[in-house]
Amino acid sequence: MQLTWKAREDYIANYRQRFIEEQRKNFEAIAGKVADEYKPGMVKYGDLPKMVFDHDCKCSHVTYDGKELHIKTTGTPEHVKWNQLDGCIKHEFEHWLQKKAMENEPLLVDKIRAAGTADWDRLKASYKDNLEKLKGQTSLDMVSKYLYDKEIGLLSQEQMHNVIGITDSFGSLAGSRQYGWGHDKPGYYRRQNQGLLYGEAIANVKALQSSIPHDILQKIFPELDKLVTELEKNG
């Protein structure tokens, strides 16, 4: 039995309406998660970034001036879901908080540098006889096995996000793509470390605090974990 043109049009219109309603509910949930991250003490940093649900952006991000938080809405379902994961939202919010905190508290820069340096020195000392484990695909495989006792290809999206959060932090702390696996633009970590000091590592630790056991996070990044907790408490 073939659908009449009217029936087809009604079906398409109904499908679009349901899709729009699902997206609206999803966006409301994301906006709520961002609002939940905004603690009372953060009022000194100004208004929350404006939520922008953006079909043109390559990935979810906070604008450099901190005024807007862009959430990617189009692409493959897997890519959209990745950019709307709780961990991704927390990560981007932490970029906003760190930038505002550094503007308001000049001494924070020294604390960040000390914490990042200490954690990286500790990691290098732990793997001094096999630094290759902290590099590239090898680091992904190592962290995946450590966290979930699974090959990287068998992880869920949320689990993969956690693994990359850790390996991305290796590159951030080292200031080089030579270590870890994550942001892939040449020179990115070095430029980031001259601006948002160890920004990716800090944002990753924030996202990881609610997604992996805290004792594990404290073992890998003890000083950064303390710093992010302090930043959240003061905020």
C-alpha atoms as a PDB file:
ATOM      1  CA  MET A   1       0.000   0.000   0.000  1.00  0.00           C
ATOM      2  CA  GLN A   2       1.431   3.330  -1.084  1.00  0.00           C
ATOM      3  CA  LEU A   3       1.127   6.472   1.018  1.00  0.00           C
ATOM      4  CA  THR A   4      -0.714   9.382  -0.515  1.00  0.00           C
ATOM      5  CA  TRP A   5       1.220  12.622  -0.907  1.00  0.00           C
ATOM      6  CA  LYS A   6      -0.811  14.087   1.946  1.00  0.00           C
ATOM      7  CA  ALA A   7       0.032  11.127   4.192  1.00  0.00           C
ATOM      8  CA  ARG A   8       3.725  11.448   3.306  1.00  0.00           C
ATOM      9  CA  GLU A   9       3.732  15.146   4.074  1.00  0.00           C
ATOM     10  CA  ASP A  10       1.990  14.528   7.396  1.00  0.00           C
ATOM     11  CA  TYR A  11       4.488  11.791   8.286  1.00  0.00           C
ATOM     12  CA  ILE A  12       7.482  14.025   7.481  1.00  0.00           C
ATOM     13  CA  ALA A  13       5.988  16.964   9.369  1.00  0.00           C
ATOM     14  CA  ASN A  14       5.314  14.754  12.401  1.00  0.00           C
ATOM     15  CA  TYR A  15       8.853  13.318  12.283  1.00  0.00           C
ATOM     16  CA  ARG A  16      10.366  16.802  12.136  1.00  0.00           C
ATOM     17  CA  GLN A  17       8.200  17.987  15.020  1.00  0.00           C
ATOM     18  CA  ARG A  18       9.234  15.033  17.183  1.00  0.00           C
ATOM     19  CA  PHE A  19      12.899  15.600  16.295  1.00  0.00           C
ATOM     20  CA  ILE A  20      12.669  19.296  17.202  1.00  0.00           C
ATOM     21  CA  GLU A  21      10.978  18.431  20.512  1.00  0.00           C
ATOM     22  CA  GLU A  22      13.682  15.869  21.356  1.00  0.00           C
ATOM     23  CA  GLN A  23      16.396  18.391  20.551  1.00  0.00           C
ATOM     24  CA  ARG A  24      14.684  21.063  22.658  1.00  0.00           C
ATOM     25  CA  LYS A  25      14.565  18.725  25.664  1.00  0.00           C
ATOM     26  CA  ASN A  26      18.194  17.771  25.124  1.00  0.00           C
ATOM     27  CA  PHE A  27      19.261  21.410  24.949  1.00  0.00           C
ATOM     28  CA  GLU A  28      17.328  22.217  28.119  1.00  0.00           C
ATOM     29  CA  ALA A  29      19.114  19.354  29.876  1.00  0.00           C
ATOM     30  CA  ILE A  30      22.524  20.602  28.719  1.00  0.00           C
ATOM     31  CA  ALA A  31      21.748  24.164  29.805  1.00  0.00           C
ATOM     32  CA  GLY A  32      20.718  22.757  33.183  1.00  0.00           C
ATOM     33  CA  LYS A  33      24.033  20.915  33.529  1.00  0.00           C
ATOM     34  CA  VAL A  34      25.952  24.125  32.832  1.00  0.00           C
ATOM     35  CA  ALA A  35      23.838  25.994  35.393  1.00  0.00           C
ATOM     36  CA  ASP A  36      24.595  23.257  37.942  1.00  0.00           C
ATOM     37  CA  GLU A  37      28.331  23.906  37.489  1.00  0.00           C
ATOM     38  CA  TYR A  38      27.868  27.596  38.304  1.00  0.00           C
ATOM     39  CA  LYS A  39      28.457  27.803  42.057  1.00  0.00           C
ATOM     40  CA  PRO A  40      27.301  30.818  44.133  1.00  0.00           C
ATOM     41  CA  GLY A  41      30.865  32.059  44.620  1.00  0.00           C
ATOM     42  CA  MET A  42      31.404  32.292  40.880  1.00  0.00           C
ATOM     43  CA  VAL A  43      29.295  35.429  40.656  1.00  0.00           C
ATOM     44  CA  LYS A  44      32.570  37.361  40.985  1.00  0.00           C
ATOM     45  CA  TYR A  45      33.555  35.976  37.581  1.00  0.00           C
ATOM     46  CA  GLY A  46      30.508  37.434  35.857  1.00  0.00           C
ATOM     47  CA  ASP A  47      27.601  35.906  34.004  1.00  0.00           C
ATOM     48  CA  LEU A  48      27.548  32.372  32.705  1.00  0.00           C
ATOM     49  CA  PRO A  49      28.576  32.051  29.063  1.00  0.00           C
ATOM     50  CA  LYS A  50      25.603  32.239  26.722  1.00  0.00           C
ATOM     51  CA  MET A  51      24.556  28.828  25.424  1.00  0.00           C
ATOM     52  CA  VAL A  52      24.714  28.620  21.615  1.00  0.00           C
ATOM     53  CA  PHE A  53      23.527  25.452  19.907  1.00  0.00           C
ATOM     54  CA  ASP A  54      25.581  25.665  16.758  1.00  0.00           C
ATOM     55  CA  HIS A  55      25.304  23.438  13.685  1.00  0.00           C
ATOM     56  CA  ASP A  56      28.344  25.060  12.045  1.00  0.00           C
ATOM     57  CA  CYS A  57      30.984  24.598  14.748  1.00  0.00           C
ATOM     58  CA  LYS A  58      33.498  21.786  14.358  1.00  0.00           C
ATOM     59  CA  CYS A  59      33.250  20.814  18.028  1.00  0.00           C
ATOM     60  CA  SER A  60      31.787  22.125  21.267  1.00  0.00           C
ATOM     61  CA  HIS A  61      33.886  24.980  22.677  1.00  0.00           C
ATOM     62  CA  VAL A  62      33.980  28.154  24.747  1.00  0.00           C
ATOM     63  CA  THR A  63      34.768  31.319  22.813  1.00  0.00           C
ATOM     64  CA  TYR A  64      38.086  32.997  23.599  1.00  0.00           C
ATOM     65  CA  ASP A  65      36.362  35.919  25.335  1.00  0.00           C
ATOM     66  CA  GLY A  66      34.385  33.455  27.485  1.00  0.00           C
ATOM     67  CA  LYS A  67      31.040  34.968  26.501  1.00  0.00           C
ATOM     68  CA  GLU A  68      29.587  31.974  24.657  1.00  0.00           C
ATOM     69  CA  LEU A  69      29.567  28.201  25.075  1.00  0.00           C
ATOM     70  CA  HIS A  70      28.932  26.613  21.680  1.00  0.00           C
ATOM     71  CA  ILE A  71      27.431  23.125  21.593  1.00  0.00           C
ATOM     72  CA  LYS A  72      27.669  21.195  18.332  1.00  0.00           C
ATOM     73  CA  THR A  73      24.294  19.964  17.076  1.00  0.00           C
ATOM     74  CA  THR A  74      24.856  18.431  13.633  1.00  0.00           C
ATOM     75  CA  GLY A  75      27.004  15.728  12.100  1.00  0.00           C
ATOM     76  CA  THR A  76      27.008  11.974  12.599  1.00  0.00           C
ATOM     77  CA  PRO A  77      25.005  10.838  15.660  1.00  0.00           C
ATOM     78  CA  GLU A  78      28.240   9.607  17.288  1.00  0.00           C
ATOM     79  CA  HIS A  79      29.999  12.948  16.771  1.00  0.00           C
ATOM     80  CA  VAL A  80      27.043  14.950  18.079  1.00  0.00           C
ATOM     81  CA  LYS A  81      26.718  12.702  21.130  1.00  0.00           C
ATOM     82  CA  TRP A  82      30.471  13.041  21.827  1.00  0.00           C
ATOM     83  CA  ASN A  83      30.195  16.833  21.792  1.00  0.00           C
ATOM     84  CA  GLN A  84      27.194  16.740  24.127  1.00  0.00           C
ATOM     85  CA  LEU A  85      28.559  14.253  26.681  1.00  0.00           C
ATOM     86  CA  ASP A  86      28.454  15.386  30.317  1.00  0.00           C
ATOM     87  CA  GLY A  87      32.245  15.172  30.367  1.00  0.00           C
ATOM     88  CA  CYS A  88      32.504  17.450  27.351  1.00  0.00           C
ATOM     89  CA  ILE A  89      30.197  20.058  28.922  1.00  0.00           C
ATOM     90  CA  LYS A  90      32.137  20.000  32.211  1.00  0.00           C
ATOM     91  CA  HIS A  91      35.415  20.238  30.278  1.00  0.00           C
ATOM     92  CA  GLU A  92      34.341  23.350  28.353  1.00  0.00           C
ATOM     93  CA  PHE A  93      32.865  24.974  31.458  1.00  0.00           C
ATOM     94  CA  GLU A  94      36.188  24.494  33.258  1.00  0.00           C
ATOM     95  CA  HIS A  95      37.965  26.374  30.464  1.00  0.00           C
ATOM     96  CA  TRP A  96      35.627  29.293  31.186  1.00  0.00           C
ATOM     97  CA  LEU A  97      36.211  29.091  34.938  1.00  0.00           C
ATOM     98  CA  GLN A  98      39.997  28.818  34.646  1.00  0.00           C
ATOM     99  CA  LYS A  99      40.215  31.843  32.350  1.00  0.00           C
ATOM    100  CA  LYS A 100      38.030  33.957  34.650  1.00  0.00           C
ATOM    101  CA  ALA A 101      39.886  32.787  37.769  1.00  0.00           C
ATOM    102  CA  MET A 102      43.293  33.593  36.250  1.00  0.00           C
ATOM    103  CA  GLU A 103      42.090  37.089  35.318  1.00  0.00           C
ATOM    104  CA  ASN A 104      40.882  37.721  38.885  1.00  0.00           C
ATOM    105  CA  GLU A 105      43.642  35.939  40.789  1.00  0.00           C
ATOM    106  CA  PRO A 106      47.154  36.569  39.395  1.00  0.00           C
ATOM    107  CA  LEU A 107      48.774  34.219  41.945  1.00  0.00           C
ATOM    108  CA  LEU A 108      46.767  31.333  40.530  1.00  0.00           C
ATOM    109  CA  VAL A 109      49.160  31.167  37.576  1.00  0.00           C
ATOM    110  CA  ASP A 110      52.019  30.164  39.873  1.00  0.00           C
ATOM    111  CA  LYS A 111      49.832  27.538  41.581  1.00  0.00           C
ATOM    112  CA  ILE A 112      48.854  26.050  38.223  1.00  0.00           C
ATOM    113  CA  ARG A 113      52.434  25.968  37.007  1.00  0.00           C
ATOM    114  CA  ALA A 114      53.612  24.294  40.233  1.00  0.00           C
ATOM    115  CA  ALA A 115      50.828  21.681  40.162  1.00  0.00           C
ATOM    116  CA  GLY A 116      51.272  20.875  36.484  1.00  0.00           C
ATOM    117  CA  THR A 117      55.044  20.636  36.759  1.00  0.00           C
ATOM    118  CA  ALA A 118      54.868  18.408  39.824  1.00  0.00           C
ATOM    119  CA  ASP A 119      52.395  15.988  38.224  1.00  0.00           C
ATOM    120  CA  TRP A 120      54.372  15.765  34.989  1.00  0.00           C
ATOM    121  CA  ASP A 121      57.674  15.242  36.800  1.00  0.00           C
ATOM    122  CA  ARG A 122      56.040  12.496  38.862  1.00  0.00           C
ATOM    123  CA  LEU A 123      54.664  10.773  35.748  1.00  0.00           C
ATOM    124  CA  LYS A 124      58.006  10.906  33.976  1.00  0.00           C
ATOM    125  CA  ALA A 125      59.746   9.504  37.045  1.00  0.00           C
ATOM    126  CA  SER A 126      57.223   6.645  37.202  1.00  0.00           C
ATOM    127  CA  TYR A 127      57.963   5.719  33.585  1.00  0.00           C
ATOM    128  CA  LYS A 128      61.606   6.785  33.426  1.00  0.00           C
ATOM    129  CA  ASP A 129      62.652   3.414  31.997  1.00  0.00           C
ATOM    130  CA  ASN A 130      59.790   3.319  29.474  1.00  0.00           C
ATOM    131  CA  LEU A 131      58.624   6.795  28.472  1.00  0.00           C
ATOM    132  CA  GLU A 132      57.150   5.275  25.295  1.00  0.00           C
ATOM    133  CA  LYS A 133      54.147   4.250  27.401  1.00  0.00           C
ATOM    134  CA  LEU A 134      53.249   7.941  27.737  1.00  0.00           C
ATOM    135  CA  LYS A 135      53.239   8.490  23.972  1.00  0.00           C
ATOM    136  CA  GLY A 136      50.616   8.257  21.234  1.00  0.00           C
ATOM    137  CA  GLN A 137      48.619   5.100  20.658  1.00  0.00           C
ATOM    138  CA  THR A 138      50.663   3.323  23.316  1.00  0.00           C
ATOM    139  CA  SER A 139      49.329   5.718  25.952  1.00  0.00           C
ATOM    140  CA  LEU A 140      45.735   5.134  24.780  1.00  0.00           C
ATOM    141  CA  ASP A 141      46.148   1.379  25.045  1.00  0.00           C
ATOM    142  CA  MET A 142      47.816   1.632  28.452  1.00  0.00           C
ATOM    143  CA  VAL A 143      45.164   3.906  29.989  1.00  0.00           C
ATOM    144  CA  SER A 144      42.302   1.876  28.491  1.00  0.00           C
ATOM    145  CA  LYS A 145      43.674  -1.294  30.066  1.00  0.00           C
ATOM    146  CA  TYR A 146      44.340   0.486  33.359  1.00  0.00           C
ATOM    147  CA  LEU A 147      40.859   2.003  33.695  1.00  0.00           C
ATOM    148  CA  TYR A 148      38.659  -0.677  32.148  1.00  0.00           C
ATOM    149  CA  ASP A 149      40.811  -3.726  31.454  1.00  0.00           C
ATOM    150  CA  LYS A 150      39.646  -3.531  27.817  1.00  0.00           C
ATOM    151  CA  GLU A 151      41.121  -2.775  24.425  1.00  0.00           C
ATOM    152  CA  ILE A 152      40.465   0.821  23.360  1.00  0.00           C
ATOM    153  CA  GLY A 153      38.183  -0.307  20.517  1.00  0.00           C
ATOM    154  CA  LEU A 154      35.803  -2.063  22.935  1.00  0.00           C
ATOM    155  CA  LEU A 155      35.009   1.008  25.047  1.00  0.00           C
ATOM    156  CA  SER A 156      31.766   2.962  25.136  1.00  0.00           C
ATOM    157  CA  GLN A 157      31.845   6.618  24.095  1.00  0.00           C
ATOM    158  CA  GLU A 158      31.836   7.770  27.704  1.00  0.00           C
ATOM    159  CA  GLN A 159      34.704   5.424  28.566  1.00  0.00           C
ATOM    160  CA  MET A 160      36.643   6.544  25.495  1.00  0.00           C
ATOM    161  CA  HIS A 161      36.129  10.174  26.541  1.00  0.00           C
ATOM    162  CA  ASN A 162      37.659   9.380  29.923  1.00  0.00           C
ATOM    163  CA  VAL A 163      40.671   7.626  28.402  1.00  0.00           C
ATOM    164  CA  ILE A 164      41.341  10.473  25.980  1.00  0.00           C
ATOM    165  CA  GLY A 165      40.901  12.956  28.832  1.00  0.00           C
ATOM    166  CA  ILE A 166      43.880  11.362  30.569  1.00  0.00           C
ATOM    167  CA  THR A 167      46.075  10.975  27.485  1.00  0.00           C
ATOM    168  CA  ASP A 168      45.209  14.497  26.320  1.00  0.00           C
ATOM    169  CA  SER A 169      46.418  15.724  29.700  1.00  0.00           C
ATOM    170  CA  PHE A 170      49.811  14.089  29.127  1.00  0.00           C
ATOM    171  CA  GLY A 171      50.281  16.264  26.053  1.00  0.00           C
ATOM    172  CA  SER A 172      49.024  19.342  27.877  1.00  0.00           C
ATOM    173  CA  LEU A 173      51.435  18.885  30.786  1.00  0.00           C
ATOM    174  CA  ALA A 174      54.346  18.124  28.444  1.00  0.00           C
ATOM    175  CA  GLY A 175      53.468  21.043  26.178  1.00  0.00           C
ATOM    176  CA  SER A 176      53.954  18.744  23.207  1.00  0.00           C
ATOM    177  CA  ARG A 177      52.130  16.305  20.940  1.00  0.00           C
ATOM    178  CA  GLN A 178      55.064  13.983  21.483  1.00  0.00           C
ATOM    179  CA  TYR A 179      53.267  12.693  24.580  1.00  0.00           C
ATOM    180  CA  GLY A 180      49.747  11.365  25.031  1.00  0.00           C
ATOM    181  CA  TRP A 181      46.929  11.475  22.492  1.00  0.00           C
ATOM    182  CA  GLY A 182      44.276  14.141  22.068  1.00  0.00           C
ATOM    183  CA  HIS A 183      44.399  17.573  20.450  1.00  0.00           C
ATOM    184  CA  ASP A 184      46.103  17.024  17.134  1.00  0.00           C
ATOM    185  CA  LYS A 185      47.071  20.488  15.872  1.00  0.00           C
ATOM    186  CA  PRO A 186      50.857  21.002  15.738  1.00  0.00           C
ATOM    187  CA  GLY A 187      51.990  23.353  18.493  1.00  0.00           C
ATOM    188  CA  TYR A 188      48.530  23.425  20.133  1.00  0.00           C
ATOM    189  CA  TYR A 189      49.596  22.417  23.625  1.00  0.00           C
ATOM    190  CA  ARG A 190      52.532  24.828  23.615  1.00  0.00           C
ATOM    191  CA  ARG A 191      50.308  27.753  22.597  1.00  0.00           C
ATOM    192  CA  GLN A 192      47.682  26.691  25.136  1.00  0.00           C
ATOM    193  CA  ASN A 193      50.245  26.473  27.920  1.00  0.00           C
ATOM    194  CA  GLN A 194      51.298  30.044  27.204  1.00  0.00           C
ATOM    195  CA  GLY A 195      47.682  31.208  27.566  1.00  0.00           C
ATOM    196  CA  LEU A 196      45.371  28.985  29.596  1.00  0.00           C
ATOM    197  CA  LEU A 197      48.190  27.433  31.552  1.00  0.00           C
ATOM    198  CA  TYR A 198      47.895  23.614  31.255  1.00  0.00           C
ATOM    199  CA  GLY A 199      44.314  24.351  30.222  1.00  0.00           C
ATOM    200  CA  GLU A 200      43.496  20.995  28.664  1.00  0.00           C
ATOM    201  CA  ALA A 201      44.876  19.063  31.629  1.00  0.00           C
ATOM    202  CA  ILE A 202      42.867  21.169  34.082  1.00  0.00           C
ATOM    203  CA  ALA A 203      39.643  20.911  32.050  1.00  0.00           C
ATOM    204  CA  ASN A 204      40.141  17.156  31.666  1.00  0.00           C
ATOM    205  CA  VAL A 205      40.704  16.619  35.380  1.00  0.00           C
ATOM    206  CA  LYS A 206      37.496  18.540  36.099  1.00  0.00           C
ATOM    207  CA  ALA A 207      35.528  16.309  33.724  1.00  0.00           C
ATOM    208  CA  LEU A 208      37.167  13.168  35.094  1.00  0.00           C
ATOM    209  CA  GLN A 209      36.381  13.942  38.741  1.00  0.00           C
ATOM    210  CA  SER A 210      32.805  12.751  38.311  1.00  0.00           C
ATOM    211  CA  SER A 211      33.407   9.959  35.807  1.00  0.00           C
ATOM    212  CA  ILE A 212      36.221   7.763  37.164  1.00  0.00           C
ATOM    213  CA  PRO A 213      36.969   6.647  40.735  1.00  0.00           C
ATOM    214  CA  HIS A 214      38.520   9.559  42.596  1.00  0.00           C
ATOM    215  CA  ASP A 215      41.351   7.526  44.068  1.00  0.00           C
ATOM    216  CA  ILE A 216      42.502   6.612  40.550  1.00  0.00           C
ATOM    217  CA  LEU A 217      42.443  10.247  39.446  1.00  0.00           C
ATOM    218  CA  GLN A 218      44.411  11.244  42.547  1.00  0.00           C
ATOM    219  CA  LYS A 219      47.073   8.666  41.702  1.00  0.00           C
ATOM    220  CA  ILE A 220      47.546   9.983  38.159  1.00  0.00           C
ATOM    221  CA  PHE A 221      47.222  13.759  38.714  1.00  0.00           C
ATOM    222  CA  PRO A 222      47.398  14.358  42.497  1.00  0.00           C
ATOM    223  CA  GLU A 223      48.363  18.050  42.387  1.00  0.00           C
ATOM    224  CA  LEU A 224      46.023  19.021  39.555  1.00  0.00           C
ATOM    225  CA  ASP A 225      43.163  17.203  41.270  1.00  0.00           C
ATOM    226  CA  LYS A 226      43.763  19.250  44.436  1.00  0.00           C
ATOM    227  CA  LEU A 227      44.000  22.467  42.425  1.00  0.00           C
ATOM    228  CA  VAL A 228      40.774  21.875  40.492  1.00  0.00           C
ATOM    229  CA  THR A 229      38.964  20.947  43.716  1.00  0.00           C
ATOM    230  CA  GLU A 230      40.225  24.186  45.293  1.00  0.00           C
ATOM    231  CA  LEU A 231      39.186  26.180  42.246  1.00  0.00           C
ATOM    232  CA  GLU A 232      35.691  24.710  42.402  1.00  0.00           C
ATOM    233  CA  LYS A 233      35.458  25.319  46.164  1.00  0.00           C
ATOM    234  CA  ASN A 234      36.469  28.955  45.795  1.00  0.00           C
ATOM    235  CA  GLY A 235      34.060  29.360  42.918  1.00  0.00           C
END
